[in-house]
Protein backbone atom coordinates (compact mmCIF):
# COMPACT_ATOMS: atom_id res chain seq x y z
CA MET A 1 27.83 -0.15 -55.76
CA VAL A 2 25.69 -0.90 -58.80
CA ILE A 3 24.58 1.85 -61.16
CA THR A 4 21.75 1.10 -63.54
CA LYS A 5 21.41 3.17 -66.67
CA THR A 6 18.68 3.07 -69.26
CA VAL A 7 20.08 3.34 -72.73
CA ALA A 8 17.94 4.21 -75.72
CA VAL A 9 18.22 1.70 -78.53
CA ALA A 10 17.91 2.85 -82.11
CA LEU A 11 17.72 0.66 -85.15
CA PRO A 12 18.97 1.76 -88.55
CA PRO A 13 16.12 2.40 -91.01
CA GLU A 14 17.22 -0.60 -93.09
CA ALA A 15 16.37 -2.93 -90.20
CA ARG A 16 12.73 -1.87 -90.41
CA LYS A 17 12.42 -2.75 -94.08
CA PRO A 18 10.87 -6.16 -94.75
CA THR A 19 12.97 -8.75 -96.48
CA PRO A 20 12.30 -8.66 -100.23
CA ALA A 21 10.18 -11.45 -101.60
CA LEU A 22 11.92 -14.23 -103.46
CA ALA A 23 11.62 -14.50 -107.20
CA PRO A 24 8.79 -16.70 -108.41
CA LYS A 25 9.48 -20.29 -109.29
CA PRO A 26 10.70 -20.71 -112.88
CA ASP A 27 8.02 -21.34 -115.47
CA ARG A 28 9.18 -24.84 -116.25
CA ASP A 29 8.74 -28.31 -114.88
CA MET A 30 11.25 -29.02 -112.15
CA PRO A 31 11.99 -32.41 -110.66
CA GLN A 32 10.73 -32.81 -107.09
CA GLN A 33 14.30 -33.06 -105.78
CA GLU A 34 15.28 -29.75 -107.41
CA VAL A 35 12.26 -28.06 -105.89
CA LEU A 36 13.12 -29.45 -102.47
CA ASP A 37 16.84 -28.68 -102.69
CA ASN A 38 16.66 -25.20 -104.18
CA TRP A 39 13.29 -23.59 -103.68
CA SER A 40 12.01 -24.98 -100.41
CA ALA A 41 15.26 -24.35 -98.54
CA ASP A 42 15.56 -20.79 -99.88
CA ARG A 43 12.00 -19.91 -98.98
CA THR A 44 12.29 -21.43 -95.53
CA ALA A 45 15.51 -19.50 -94.84
CA ARG A 46 14.03 -16.24 -96.15
CA ASN A 47 10.86 -16.62 -94.09
CA THR A 48 12.77 -17.55 -90.93
CA GLY A 49 15.03 -14.54 -91.38
CA GLU A 50 12.05 -12.26 -91.90
CA TRP A 51 10.32 -13.54 -88.76
CA ARG A 52 13.50 -12.98 -86.76
CA ARG A 53 13.98 -9.48 -88.19
CA ALA A 54 10.38 -8.55 -87.38
CA ALA A 55 10.71 -9.96 -83.85
CA CYS A 56 13.89 -7.95 -83.24
CA VAL A 57 12.27 -4.75 -84.44
CA ALA A 58 9.23 -5.43 -82.23
CA ALA A 59 11.48 -6.11 -79.21
CA VAL A 60 13.42 -2.89 -79.73
CA ASP A 61 10.19 -0.95 -80.13
CA ALA A 62 8.72 -2.53 -76.98
CA ALA A 63 11.89 -1.80 -74.99
CA GLY A 64 11.71 1.84 -75.95
CA LYS A 65 8.27 2.27 -74.37
CA PRO A 66 8.04 3.00 -70.64
C-alpha cells in the first residue's frame, strides 16, 4: 500500500532576501591577475549563488500552488 501525502513547504524569511551586492572594486589600479583572482571569482560565485537562491524560492513558490 502506498500513501501519498502533500506537505506544505515553507521557507524562512531570510531565504527570500536577495544576496547583498559585493563591495565596489577598490579605487586603485589593480594588476589584471589580481582582478581575475580576487574580483572575478568572487562576483561569479556571488551571482551563481543568487541565481540558485532565486530558483529555489521560485520552485518552492510554484510547488505551493495547486
